[in-house]
mmCIF file of all heavy atoms, coordinates in Angstrom:
data_MODEL
# 
_entry.id   MODEL 
# 
loop_
_atom_site.group_PDB 
_atom_site.id 
_atom_site.type_symbol 
_atom_site.label_atom_id 
_atom_site.label_alt_id 
_atom_site.label_comp_id 
_atom_site.label_asym_id 
_atom_site.label_entity_id 
_atom_site.label_seq_id 
_atom_site.pdbx_PDB_ins_code 
_atom_site.Cartn_x 
_atom_site.Cartn_y 
_atom_site.Cartn_z 
_atom_site.occupancy 
_atom_site.B_iso_or_equiv 
_atom_site.pdbx_formal_charge 
_atom_site.auth_seq_id 
_atom_site.auth_comp_id 
_atom_site.auth_asym_id 
_atom_site.auth_atom_id 
_atom_site.pdbx_PDB_model_num 
ATOM 1   N N   . VAL A 1 1  ? 0.341   5.920  6.333   1.00 0.00 ? 1  VAL A N   1 
ATOM 2   C CA  . VAL A 1 1  ? 1.463   5.346  5.662   1.00 0.00 ? 1  VAL A CA  1 
ATOM 3   C C   . VAL A 1 1  ? 1.069   4.879  4.189   1.00 0.00 ? 1  VAL A C   1 
ATOM 4   O O   . VAL A 1 1  ? 1.935   4.787  3.332   1.00 0.00 ? 1  VAL A O   1 
ATOM 5   C CB  . VAL A 1 1  ? 1.948   4.069  6.447   1.00 0.00 ? 1  VAL A CB  1 
ATOM 6   C CG1 . VAL A 1 1  ? 0.965   2.895  6.350   1.00 0.00 ? 1  VAL A CG1 1 
ATOM 7   C CG2 . VAL A 1 1  ? 3.389   3.703  6.020   1.00 0.00 ? 1  VAL A CG2 1 
ATOM 8   N N   . TRP A 1 2  ? -0.243  4.705  3.981   1.00 0.00 ? 2  TRP A N   1 
ATOM 9   C CA  . TRP A 1 2  ? -0.731  4.323  2.623   1.00 0.00 ? 2  TRP A CA  1 
ATOM 10  C C   . TRP A 1 2  ? -1.173  5.471  1.716   1.00 0.00 ? 2  TRP A C   1 
ATOM 11  O O   . TRP A 1 2  ? -1.712  5.244  0.720   1.00 0.00 ? 2  TRP A O   1 
ATOM 12  C CB  . TRP A 1 2  ? -1.870  3.337  2.839   1.00 0.00 ? 2  TRP A CB  1 
ATOM 13  C CG  . TRP A 1 2  ? -1.564  2.002  3.485   1.00 0.00 ? 2  TRP A CG  1 
ATOM 14  C CD1 . TRP A 1 2  ? -2.031  1.578  4.656   1.00 0.00 ? 2  TRP A CD1 1 
ATOM 15  C CD2 . TRP A 1 2  ? -0.720  0.993  2.956   1.00 0.00 ? 2  TRP A CD2 1 
ATOM 16  N NE1 . TRP A 1 2  ? -1.565  0.339  4.961   1.00 0.00 ? 2  TRP A NE1 1 
ATOM 17  C CE2 . TRP A 1 2  ? -0.761  -0.074 3.879   1.00 0.00 ? 2  TRP A CE2 1 
ATOM 18  C CE3 . TRP A 1 2  ? 0.109   0.865  1.854   1.00 0.00 ? 2  TRP A CE3 1 
ATOM 19  C CZ2 . TRP A 1 2  ? -0.006  -1.211 3.804   1.00 0.00 ? 2  TRP A CZ2 1 
ATOM 20  C CZ3 . TRP A 1 2  ? 0.893   -0.267 1.679   1.00 0.00 ? 2  TRP A CZ3 1 
ATOM 21  C CH2 . TRP A 1 2  ? 0.833   -1.263 2.699   1.00 0.00 ? 2  TRP A CH2 1 
ATOM 22  N N   . ASN A 1 3  ? -0.916  6.736  2.187   1.00 0.00 ? 3  ASN A N   1 
ATOM 23  C CA  . ASN A 1 3  ? -1.468  7.865  1.443   1.00 0.00 ? 3  ASN A CA  1 
ATOM 24  C C   . ASN A 1 3  ? -1.106  7.814  -0.073  1.00 0.00 ? 3  ASN A C   1 
ATOM 25  O O   . ASN A 1 3  ? -2.014  7.942  -0.944  1.00 0.00 ? 3  ASN A O   1 
ATOM 26  C CB  . ASN A 1 3  ? -0.989  9.215  2.040   1.00 0.00 ? 3  ASN A CB  1 
ATOM 27  C CG  . ASN A 1 3  ? -1.868  9.587  3.312   1.00 0.00 ? 3  ASN A CG  1 
ATOM 28  O OD1 . ASN A 1 3  ? -2.757  8.873  3.639   1.00 0.00 ? 3  ASN A OD1 1 
ATOM 29  N ND2 . ASN A 1 3  ? -1.307  10.693 3.853   1.00 0.00 ? 3  ASN A ND2 1 
ATOM 30  N N   . ALA A 1 4  ? 0.126   7.676  -0.388  1.00 0.00 ? 4  ALA A N   1 
ATOM 31  C CA  . ALA A 1 4  ? 0.463   7.632  -1.804  1.00 0.00 ? 4  ALA A CA  1 
ATOM 32  C C   . ALA A 1 4  ? -0.135  6.472  -2.551  1.00 0.00 ? 4  ALA A C   1 
ATOM 33  O O   . ALA A 1 4  ? -0.462  6.528  -3.700  1.00 0.00 ? 4  ALA A O   1 
ATOM 34  C CB  . ALA A 1 4  ? 2.001   7.670  -1.935  1.00 0.00 ? 4  ALA A CB  1 
ATOM 35  N N   . THR A 1 5  ? -0.204  5.316  -1.827  1.00 0.00 ? 5  THR A N   1 
ATOM 36  C CA  . THR A 1 5  ? -0.767  4.120  -2.434  1.00 0.00 ? 5  THR A CA  1 
ATOM 37  C C   . THR A 1 5  ? -2.269  4.342  -2.680  1.00 0.00 ? 5  THR A C   1 
ATOM 38  O O   . THR A 1 5  ? -2.713  3.954  -3.746  1.00 0.00 ? 5  THR A O   1 
ATOM 39  C CB  . THR A 1 5  ? -0.543  2.977  -1.426  1.00 0.00 ? 5  THR A CB  1 
ATOM 40  O OG1 . THR A 1 5  ? 0.852   2.751  -1.141  1.00 0.00 ? 5  THR A OG1 1 
ATOM 41  C CG2 . THR A 1 5  ? -1.088  1.675  -2.070  1.00 0.00 ? 5  THR A CG2 1 
ATOM 42  N N   . VAL A 1 6  ? -2.986  4.901  -1.692  1.00 0.00 ? 6  VAL A N   1 
ATOM 43  C CA  . VAL A 1 6  ? -4.394  5.161  -1.892  1.00 0.00 ? 6  VAL A CA  1 
ATOM 44  C C   . VAL A 1 6  ? -4.702  6.146  -3.003  1.00 0.00 ? 6  VAL A C   1 
ATOM 45  O O   . VAL A 1 6  ? -5.664  6.039  -3.715  1.00 0.00 ? 6  VAL A O   1 
ATOM 46  C CB  . VAL A 1 6  ? -4.994  5.600  -0.517  1.00 0.00 ? 6  VAL A CB  1 
ATOM 47  C CG1 . VAL A 1 6  ? -6.443  6.062  -0.695  1.00 0.00 ? 6  VAL A CG1 1 
ATOM 48  C CG2 . VAL A 1 6  ? -4.988  4.442  0.473   1.00 0.00 ? 6  VAL A CG2 1 
ATOM 49  N N   . TYR A 1 7  ? -3.787  7.136  -3.105  1.00 0.00 ? 7  TYR A N   1 
ATOM 50  C CA  . TYR A 1 7  ? -4.002  8.140  -4.198  1.00 0.00 ? 7  TYR A CA  1 
ATOM 51  C C   . TYR A 1 7  ? -3.958  7.388  -5.617  1.00 0.00 ? 7  TYR A C   1 
ATOM 52  O O   . TYR A 1 7  ? -4.848  7.701  -6.404  1.00 0.00 ? 7  TYR A O   1 
ATOM 53  C CB  . TYR A 1 7  ? -2.807  9.071  -4.191  1.00 0.00 ? 7  TYR A CB  1 
ATOM 54  C CG  . TYR A 1 7  ? -2.657  9.930  -5.369  1.00 0.00 ? 7  TYR A CG  1 
ATOM 55  C CD1 . TYR A 1 7  ? -3.581  11.015 -5.649  1.00 0.00 ? 7  TYR A CD1 1 
ATOM 56  C CD2 . TYR A 1 7  ? -1.702  9.726  -6.384  1.00 0.00 ? 7  TYR A CD2 1 
ATOM 57  C CE1 . TYR A 1 7  ? -3.475  11.840 -6.741  1.00 0.00 ? 7  TYR A CE1 1 
ATOM 58  C CE2 . TYR A 1 7  ? -1.638  10.492 -7.552  1.00 0.00 ? 7  TYR A CE2 1 
ATOM 59  C CZ  . TYR A 1 7  ? -2.556  11.521 -7.703  1.00 0.00 ? 7  TYR A CZ  1 
ATOM 60  O OH  . TYR A 1 7  ? -2.433  12.363 -8.810  1.00 0.00 ? 7  TYR A OH  1 
ATOM 61  N N   . GLU A 1 8  ? -3.226  6.353  -5.728  1.00 0.00 ? 8  GLU A N   1 
ATOM 62  C CA  . GLU A 1 8  ? -3.219  5.621  -7.025  1.00 0.00 ? 8  GLU A CA  1 
ATOM 63  C C   . GLU A 1 8  ? -4.390  4.654  -7.139  1.00 0.00 ? 8  GLU A C   1 
ATOM 64  O O   . GLU A 1 8  ? -5.164  4.531  -8.059  1.00 0.00 ? 8  GLU A O   1 
ATOM 65  C CB  . GLU A 1 8  ? -1.916  4.844  -7.208  1.00 0.00 ? 8  GLU A CB  1 
ATOM 66  C CG  . GLU A 1 8  ? -0.658  5.802  -7.461  1.00 0.00 ? 8  GLU A CG  1 
ATOM 67  C CD  . GLU A 1 8  ? -0.727  6.535  -8.801  1.00 0.00 ? 8  GLU A CD  1 
ATOM 68  O OE1 . GLU A 1 8  ? -1.473  6.057  -9.691  1.00 0.00 ? 8  GLU A OE1 1 
ATOM 69  O OE2 . GLU A 1 8  ? -0.171  7.639  -8.858  1.00 0.00 ? 8  GLU A OE2 1 
ATOM 70  N N   . LEU A 1 9  ? -4.543  3.830  -6.036  1.00 0.00 ? 9  LEU A N   1 
ATOM 71  C CA  . LEU A 1 9  ? -5.485  2.724  -6.119  1.00 0.00 ? 9  LEU A CA  1 
ATOM 72  C C   . LEU A 1 9  ? -6.907  3.136  -6.050  1.00 0.00 ? 9  LEU A C   1 
ATOM 73  O O   . LEU A 1 9  ? -7.825  2.471  -6.623  1.00 0.00 ? 9  LEU A O   1 
ATOM 74  C CB  . LEU A 1 9  ? -5.200  1.734  -4.958  1.00 0.00 ? 9  LEU A CB  1 
ATOM 75  C CG  . LEU A 1 9  ? -3.845  0.980  -4.980  1.00 0.00 ? 9  LEU A CG  1 
ATOM 76  C CD1 . LEU A 1 9  ? -3.844  -0.038 -3.861  1.00 0.00 ? 9  LEU A CD1 1 
ATOM 77  C CD2 . LEU A 1 9  ? -3.581  0.374  -6.339  1.00 0.00 ? 9  LEU A CD2 1 
ATOM 78  N N   . SER A 1 10 ? -7.227  4.250  -5.367  1.00 0.00 ? 10 SER A N   1 
ATOM 79  C CA  . SER A 1 10 ? -8.601  4.712  -5.175  1.00 0.00 ? 10 SER A CA  1 
ATOM 80  C C   . SER A 1 10 ? -9.233  5.178  -6.546  1.00 0.00 ? 10 SER A C   1 
ATOM 81  O O   . SER A 1 10 ? -10.414 5.444  -6.632  1.00 0.00 ? 10 SER A O   1 
ATOM 82  C CB  . SER A 1 10 ? -8.698  5.822  -4.154  1.00 0.00 ? 10 SER A CB  1 
ATOM 83  O OG  . SER A 1 10 ? -7.923  6.985  -4.526  1.00 0.00 ? 10 SER A OG  1 
ATOM 84  N N   . LYS A 1 11 ? -8.407  5.361  -7.577  1.00 0.00 ? 11 LYS A N   1 
ATOM 85  C CA  . LYS A 1 11 ? -8.947  5.673  -8.909  1.00 0.00 ? 11 LYS A CA  1 
ATOM 86  C C   . LYS A 1 11 ? -9.785  4.551  -9.478  1.00 0.00 ? 11 LYS A C   1 
ATOM 87  O O   . LYS A 1 11 ? -10.673 4.756  -10.285 1.00 0.00 ? 11 LYS A O   1 
ATOM 88  C CB  . LYS A 1 11 ? -7.787  6.047  -9.812  1.00 0.00 ? 11 LYS A CB  1 
ATOM 89  C CG  . LYS A 1 11 ? -6.947  7.254  -9.327  1.00 0.00 ? 11 LYS A CG  1 
ATOM 90  C CD  . LYS A 1 11 ? -5.739  7.433  -10.240 1.00 0.00 ? 11 LYS A CD  1 
ATOM 91  C CE  . LYS A 1 11 ? -4.800  8.480  -9.806  1.00 0.00 ? 11 LYS A CE  1 
ATOM 92  N NZ  . LYS A 1 11 ? -3.602  8.646  -10.590 1.00 0.00 ? 11 LYS A NZ  1 
ATOM 93  N N   . ASN A 1 12 ? -9.453  3.303  -8.997  1.00 0.00 ? 12 ASN A N   1 
ATOM 94  C CA  . ASN A 1 12 ? -10.145 2.122  -9.547  1.00 0.00 ? 12 ASN A CA  1 
ATOM 95  C C   . ASN A 1 12 ? -10.682 1.193  -8.498  1.00 0.00 ? 12 ASN A C   1 
ATOM 96  O O   . ASN A 1 12 ? -11.410 0.243  -8.846  1.00 0.00 ? 12 ASN A O   1 
ATOM 97  C CB  . ASN A 1 12 ? -9.169  1.338  -10.446 1.00 0.00 ? 12 ASN A CB  1 
ATOM 98  C CG  . ASN A 1 12 ? -8.677  2.190  -11.618 1.00 0.00 ? 12 ASN A CG  1 
ATOM 99  O OD1 . ASN A 1 12 ? -9.420  2.629  -12.448 1.00 0.00 ? 12 ASN A OD1 1 
ATOM 100 N ND2 . ASN A 1 12 ? -7.368  2.466  -11.711 1.00 0.00 ? 12 ASN A ND2 1 
ATOM 101 N N   . TYR A 1 13 ? -10.405 1.405  -7.240  1.00 0.00 ? 13 TYR A N   1 
ATOM 102 C CA  . TYR A 1 13 ? -10.724 0.517  -6.218  1.00 0.00 ? 13 TYR A CA  1 
ATOM 103 C C   . TYR A 1 13 ? -11.383 1.190  -5.014  1.00 0.00 ? 13 TYR A C   1 
ATOM 104 O O   . TYR A 1 13 ? -11.101 2.399  -4.859  1.00 0.00 ? 13 TYR A O   1 
ATOM 105 C CB  . TYR A 1 13 ? -9.574  -0.361 -5.680  1.00 0.00 ? 13 TYR A CB  1 
ATOM 106 C CG  . TYR A 1 13 ? -8.908  -1.191 -6.732  1.00 0.00 ? 13 TYR A CG  1 
ATOM 107 C CD1 . TYR A 1 13 ? -7.841  -0.727 -7.470  1.00 0.00 ? 13 TYR A CD1 1 
ATOM 108 C CD2 . TYR A 1 13 ? -9.304  -2.542 -7.004  1.00 0.00 ? 13 TYR A CD2 1 
ATOM 109 C CE1 . TYR A 1 13 ? -7.275  -1.511 -8.471  1.00 0.00 ? 13 TYR A CE1 1 
ATOM 110 C CE2 . TYR A 1 13 ? -8.773  -3.289 -7.923  1.00 0.00 ? 13 TYR A CE2 1 
ATOM 111 C CZ  . TYR A 1 13 ? -7.737  -2.798 -8.673  1.00 0.00 ? 13 TYR A CZ  1 
ATOM 112 O OH  . TYR A 1 13 ? -7.122  -3.634 -9.636  1.00 0.00 ? 13 TYR A OH  1 
ATOM 113 N N   . GLU A 1 14 ? -12.121 0.537  -4.212  1.00 0.00 ? 14 GLU A N   1 
ATOM 114 C CA  . GLU A 1 14 ? -12.624 1.064  -2.965  1.00 0.00 ? 14 GLU A CA  1 
ATOM 115 C C   . GLU A 1 14 ? -11.618 0.602  -1.868  1.00 0.00 ? 14 GLU A C   1 
ATOM 116 O O   . GLU A 1 14 ? -11.463 -0.573 -1.442  1.00 0.00 ? 14 GLU A O   1 
ATOM 117 C CB  . GLU A 1 14 ? -14.017 0.475  -2.649  1.00 0.00 ? 14 GLU A CB  1 
ATOM 118 C CG  . GLU A 1 14 ? -14.654 0.991  -1.366  1.00 0.00 ? 14 GLU A CG  1 
ATOM 119 C CD  . GLU A 1 14 ? -15.979 0.264  -1.090  1.00 0.00 ? 14 GLU A CD  1 
ATOM 120 O OE1 . GLU A 1 14 ? -15.986 -0.836 -0.553  1.00 0.00 ? 14 GLU A OE1 1 
ATOM 121 O OE2 . GLU A 1 14 ? -16.995 0.878  -1.448  1.00 0.00 ? 14 GLU A OE2 1 
ATOM 122 N N   . CYS A 1 15 ? -10.890 1.582  -1.352  1.00 0.00 ? 15 CYS A N   1 
ATOM 123 C CA  . CYS A 1 15 ? -9.803  1.315  -0.354  1.00 0.00 ? 15 CYS A CA  1 
ATOM 124 C C   . CYS A 1 15 ? -10.252 1.511  1.012   1.00 0.00 ? 15 CYS A C   1 
ATOM 125 O O   . CYS A 1 15 ? -10.782 2.563  1.425   1.00 0.00 ? 15 CYS A O   1 
ATOM 126 C CB  . CYS A 1 15 ? -8.682  2.269  -0.665  1.00 0.00 ? 15 CYS A CB  1 
ATOM 127 S SG  . CYS A 1 15 ? -7.919  2.107  -2.293  1.00 0.00 ? 15 CYS A SG  1 
ATOM 128 N N   . HIS A 1 16 ? -10.175 0.450  1.852   1.00 0.00 ? 16 HIS A N   1 
ATOM 129 C CA  . HIS A 1 16 ? -10.499 0.463  3.266   1.00 0.00 ? 16 HIS A CA  1 
ATOM 130 C C   . HIS A 1 16 ? -9.161  0.548  3.987   1.00 0.00 ? 16 HIS A C   1 
ATOM 131 O O   . HIS A 1 16 ? -8.455  -0.392 4.076   1.00 0.00 ? 16 HIS A O   1 
ATOM 132 C CB  . HIS A 1 16 ? -11.272 -0.811 3.641   1.00 0.00 ? 16 HIS A CB  1 
ATOM 133 C CG  . HIS A 1 16 ? -12.563 -0.981 2.919   1.00 0.00 ? 16 HIS A CG  1 
ATOM 134 N ND1 . HIS A 1 16 ? -13.770 -0.861 3.590   1.00 0.00 ? 16 HIS A ND1 1 
ATOM 135 C CD2 . HIS A 1 16 ? -12.856 -1.160 1.542   1.00 0.00 ? 16 HIS A CD2 1 
ATOM 136 C CE1 . HIS A 1 16 ? -14.798 -1.029 2.734   1.00 0.00 ? 16 HIS A CE1 1 
ATOM 137 N NE2 . HIS A 1 16 ? -14.283 -1.187 1.488   1.00 0.00 ? 16 HIS A NE2 1 
ATOM 138 N N   . VAL A 1 17 ? -8.877  1.738  4.592   1.00 0.00 ? 17 VAL A N   1 
ATOM 139 C CA  . VAL A 1 17 ? -7.602  2.014  5.152   1.00 0.00 ? 17 VAL A CA  1 
ATOM 140 C C   . VAL A 1 17 ? -7.725  2.019  6.662   1.00 0.00 ? 17 VAL A C   1 
ATOM 141 O O   . VAL A 1 17 ? -8.364  2.898  7.246   1.00 0.00 ? 17 VAL A O   1 
ATOM 142 C CB  . VAL A 1 17 ? -7.085  3.469  4.668   1.00 0.00 ? 17 VAL A CB  1 
ATOM 143 C CG1 . VAL A 1 17 ? -5.603  3.583  5.030   1.00 0.00 ? 17 VAL A CG1 1 
ATOM 144 C CG2 . VAL A 1 17 ? -7.192  3.512  3.108   1.00 0.00 ? 17 VAL A CG2 1 
ATOM 145 N N   . PHE A 1 18 ? -6.989  1.119  7.259   1.00 0.00 ? 18 PHE A N   1 
ATOM 146 C CA  . PHE A 1 18 ? -7.050  0.809  8.705   1.00 0.00 ? 18 PHE A CA  1 
ATOM 147 C C   . PHE A 1 18 ? -5.979  1.583  9.506   1.00 0.00 ? 18 PHE A C   1 
ATOM 148 O O   . PHE A 1 18 ? -4.883  1.728  9.072   1.00 0.00 ? 18 PHE A O   1 
ATOM 149 C CB  . PHE A 1 18 ? -6.931  -0.677 8.990   1.00 0.00 ? 18 PHE A CB  1 
ATOM 150 C CG  . PHE A 1 18 ? -8.199  -1.499 8.523   1.00 0.00 ? 18 PHE A CG  1 
ATOM 151 C CD1 . PHE A 1 18 ? -8.390  -1.731 7.196   1.00 0.00 ? 18 PHE A CD1 1 
ATOM 152 C CD2 . PHE A 1 18 ? -9.063  -1.901 9.475   1.00 0.00 ? 18 PHE A CD2 1 
ATOM 153 C CE1 . PHE A 1 18 ? -9.533  -2.425 6.807   1.00 0.00 ? 18 PHE A CE1 1 
ATOM 154 C CE2 . PHE A 1 18 ? -10.174 -2.629 9.135   1.00 0.00 ? 18 PHE A CE2 1 
ATOM 155 C CZ  . PHE A 1 18 ? -10.369 -2.890 7.794   1.00 0.00 ? 18 PHE A CZ  1 
ATOM 156 N N   . THR A 1 19 ? -6.428  2.003  10.753  1.00 0.00 ? 19 THR A N   1 
ATOM 157 C CA  . THR A 1 19 ? -5.549  2.333  11.848  1.00 0.00 ? 19 THR A CA  1 
ATOM 158 C C   . THR A 1 19 ? -5.930  1.621  13.070  1.00 0.00 ? 19 THR A C   1 
ATOM 159 O O   . THR A 1 19 ? -7.118  1.609  13.412  1.00 0.00 ? 19 THR A O   1 
ATOM 160 C CB  . THR A 1 19 ? -5.529  3.876  12.103  1.00 0.00 ? 19 THR A CB  1 
ATOM 161 O OG1 . THR A 1 19 ? -5.101  4.593  10.986  1.00 0.00 ? 19 THR A OG1 1 
ATOM 162 C CG2 . THR A 1 19 ? -4.590  4.197  13.296  1.00 0.00 ? 19 THR A CG2 1 
ATOM 163 N N   . PHE A 1 20 ? -5.013  0.873  13.652  1.00 0.00 ? 20 PHE A N   1 
ATOM 164 C CA  . PHE A 1 20 ? -5.376  -0.048 14.648  1.00 0.00 ? 20 PHE A CA  1 
ATOM 165 C C   . PHE A 1 20 ? -5.397  0.570  16.084  1.00 0.00 ? 20 PHE A C   1 
ATOM 166 O O   . PHE A 1 20 ? -4.828  1.620  16.270  1.00 0.00 ? 20 PHE A O   1 
ATOM 167 C CB  . PHE A 1 20 ? -4.498  -1.297 14.713  1.00 0.00 ? 20 PHE A CB  1 
ATOM 168 C CG  . PHE A 1 20 ? -4.520  -2.062 13.457  1.00 0.00 ? 20 PHE A CG  1 
ATOM 169 C CD1 . PHE A 1 20 ? -3.336  -2.392 12.763  1.00 0.00 ? 20 PHE A CD1 1 
ATOM 170 C CD2 . PHE A 1 20 ? -5.736  -2.474 12.888  1.00 0.00 ? 20 PHE A CD2 1 
ATOM 171 C CE1 . PHE A 1 20 ? -3.392  -3.150 11.584  1.00 0.00 ? 20 PHE A CE1 1 
ATOM 172 C CE2 . PHE A 1 20 ? -5.732  -3.240 11.723  1.00 0.00 ? 20 PHE A CE2 1 
ATOM 173 C CZ  . PHE A 1 20 ? -4.613  -3.527 11.076  1.00 0.00 ? 20 PHE A CZ  1 
ATOM 174 N N   . ALA A 1 21 ? -6.146  -0.018 16.998  1.00 0.00 ? 21 ALA A N   1 
ATOM 175 C CA  . ALA A 1 21 ? -6.335  0.586  18.338  1.00 0.00 ? 21 ALA A CA  1 
ATOM 176 C C   . ALA A 1 21 ? -4.944  0.736  19.042  1.00 0.00 ? 21 ALA A C   1 
ATOM 177 O O   . ALA A 1 21 ? -4.004  -0.055 18.906  1.00 0.00 ? 21 ALA A O   1 
ATOM 178 C CB  . ALA A 1 21 ? -7.101  -0.380 19.193  1.00 0.00 ? 21 ALA A CB  1 
ATOM 179 N N   . GLY A 1 22 ? -4.768  1.863  19.664  1.00 0.00 ? 22 GLY A N   1 
ATOM 180 C CA  . GLY A 1 22 ? -3.479  2.266  20.318  1.00 0.00 ? 22 GLY A CA  1 
ATOM 181 C C   . GLY A 1 22 ? -2.515  2.943  19.492  1.00 0.00 ? 22 GLY A C   1 
ATOM 182 O O   . GLY A 1 22 ? -1.502  3.376  20.024  1.00 0.00 ? 22 GLY A O   1 
ATOM 183 N N   . PHE A 1 23 ? -2.814  3.132  18.244  1.00 0.00 ? 23 PHE A N   1 
ATOM 184 C CA  . PHE A 1 23 ? -1.992  3.866  17.278  1.00 0.00 ? 23 PHE A CA  1 
ATOM 185 C C   . PHE A 1 23 ? -2.658  5.156  16.756  1.00 0.00 ? 23 PHE A C   1 
ATOM 186 O O   . PHE A 1 23 ? -3.891  5.166  16.608  1.00 0.00 ? 23 PHE A O   1 
ATOM 187 C CB  . PHE A 1 23 ? -1.625  2.984  16.057  1.00 0.00 ? 23 PHE A CB  1 
ATOM 188 C CG  . PHE A 1 23 ? -0.886  1.692  16.466  1.00 0.00 ? 23 PHE A CG  1 
ATOM 189 C CD1 . PHE A 1 23 ? -0.995  0.578  15.624  1.00 0.00 ? 23 PHE A CD1 1 
ATOM 190 C CD2 . PHE A 1 23 ? -0.182  1.554  17.603  1.00 0.00 ? 23 PHE A CD2 1 
ATOM 191 C CE1 . PHE A 1 23 ? -0.307  -0.610 15.980  1.00 0.00 ? 23 PHE A CE1 1 
ATOM 192 C CE2 . PHE A 1 23 ? 0.459   0.385  17.934  1.00 0.00 ? 23 PHE A CE2 1 
ATOM 193 C CZ  . PHE A 1 23 ? 0.462   -0.683 17.157  1.00 0.00 ? 23 PHE A CZ  1 
ATOM 194 N N   . GLY A 1 24 ? -1.876  6.129  16.488  1.00 0.00 ? 24 GLY A N   1 
ATOM 195 C CA  . GLY A 1 24 ? -2.394  7.392  16.045  1.00 0.00 ? 24 GLY A CA  1 
ATOM 196 C C   . GLY A 1 24 ? -3.376  7.955  17.133  1.00 0.00 ? 24 GLY A C   1 
ATOM 197 O O   . GLY A 1 24 ? -3.033  7.963  18.238  1.00 0.00 ? 24 GLY A O   1 
ATOM 198 N N   . ASP A 1 25 ? -4.534  8.343  16.706  1.00 0.00 ? 25 ASP A N   1 
ATOM 199 C CA  . ASP A 1 25 ? -5.542  8.940  17.615  1.00 0.00 ? 25 ASP A CA  1 
ATOM 200 C C   . ASP A 1 25 ? -6.599  7.859  18.095  1.00 0.00 ? 25 ASP A C   1 
ATOM 201 O O   . ASP A 1 25 ? -7.539  8.212  18.696  1.00 0.00 ? 25 ASP A O   1 
ATOM 202 C CB  . ASP A 1 25 ? -6.280  10.078 16.988  1.00 0.00 ? 25 ASP A CB  1 
ATOM 203 C CG  . ASP A 1 25 ? -5.297  11.264 16.736  1.00 0.00 ? 25 ASP A CG  1 
ATOM 204 O OD1 . ASP A 1 25 ? -4.440  11.414 17.590  1.00 0.00 ? 25 ASP A OD1 1 
ATOM 205 O OD2 . ASP A 1 25 ? -5.520  11.915 15.703  1.00 0.00 ? 25 ASP A OD2 1 
ATOM 206 N N   . VAL A 1 26 ? -6.386  6.572  17.677  1.00 0.00 ? 26 VAL A N   1 
ATOM 207 C CA  . VAL A 1 26 ? -7.348  5.558  18.000  1.00 0.00 ? 26 VAL A CA  1 
ATOM 208 C C   . VAL A 1 26 ? -7.091  5.100  19.491  1.00 0.00 ? 26 VAL A C   1 
ATOM 209 O O   . VAL A 1 26 ? -5.989  4.690  19.772  1.00 0.00 ? 26 VAL A O   1 
ATOM 210 C CB  . VAL A 1 26 ? -7.252  4.403  17.029  1.00 0.00 ? 26 VAL A CB  1 
ATOM 211 C CG1 . VAL A 1 26 ? -8.370  3.322  17.347  1.00 0.00 ? 26 VAL A CG1 1 
ATOM 212 C CG2 . VAL A 1 26 ? -7.360  4.867  15.621  1.00 0.00 ? 26 VAL A CG2 1 
ATOM 213 N N   . PRO A 1 27 ? -8.101  5.119  20.324  1.00 0.00 ? 27 PRO A N   1 
ATOM 214 C CA  . PRO A 1 27 ? -7.886  4.662  21.756  1.00 0.00 ? 27 PRO A CA  1 
ATOM 215 C C   . PRO A 1 27 ? -7.376  3.265  21.837  1.00 0.00 ? 27 PRO A C   1 
ATOM 216 O O   . PRO A 1 27 ? -7.705  2.380  21.008  1.00 0.00 ? 27 PRO A O   1 
ATOM 217 C CB  . PRO A 1 27 ? -9.295  4.832  22.360  1.00 0.00 ? 27 PRO A CB  1 
ATOM 218 C CG  . PRO A 1 27 ? -10.000 5.807  21.436  1.00 0.00 ? 27 PRO A CG  1 
ATOM 219 C CD  . PRO A 1 27 ? -9.418  5.564  20.097  1.00 0.00 ? 27 PRO A CD  1 
ATOM 220 N N   . ALA A 1 28 ? -6.551  2.994  22.908  1.00 0.00 ? 28 ALA A N   1 
ATOM 221 C CA  . ALA A 1 28 ? -6.021  1.710  23.148  1.00 0.00 ? 28 ALA A CA  1 
ATOM 222 C C   . ALA A 1 28 ? -7.191  0.736  23.634  1.00 0.00 ? 28 ALA A C   1 
ATOM 223 O O   . ALA A 1 28 ? -8.177  1.157  24.062  1.00 0.00 ? 28 ALA A O   1 
ATOM 224 C CB  . ALA A 1 28 ? -4.938  1.764  24.165  1.00 0.00 ? 28 ALA A CB  1 
ATOM 225 N N   . ILE A 1 29 ? -6.865  -0.561 23.430  1.00 0.00 ? 29 ILE A N   1 
ATOM 226 C CA  . ILE A 1 29 ? -7.706  -1.623 24.037  1.00 0.00 ? 29 ILE A CA  1 
ATOM 227 C C   . ILE A 1 29 ? -6.955  -2.521 24.975  1.00 0.00 ? 29 ILE A C   1 
ATOM 228 O O   . ILE A 1 29 ? -5.738  -2.455 24.978  1.00 0.00 ? 29 ILE A O   1 
ATOM 229 C CB  . ILE A 1 29 ? -8.346  -2.407 22.924  1.00 0.00 ? 29 ILE A CB  1 
ATOM 230 C CG1 . ILE A 1 29 ? -7.221  -3.060 22.010  1.00 0.00 ? 29 ILE A CG1 1 
ATOM 231 C CG2 . ILE A 1 29 ? -9.343  -1.618 22.024  1.00 0.00 ? 29 ILE A CG2 1 
ATOM 232 C CD1 . ILE A 1 29 ? -7.726  -4.037 20.941  1.00 0.00 ? 29 ILE A CD1 1 
# 
């Protein structure tokens, strides 16, 4: 969801982009 945001911000910042457990391909807890 942050792809366009990261495209801009990663030019000047170190972006740590999270996906939480149970969402996408991340196993549930």
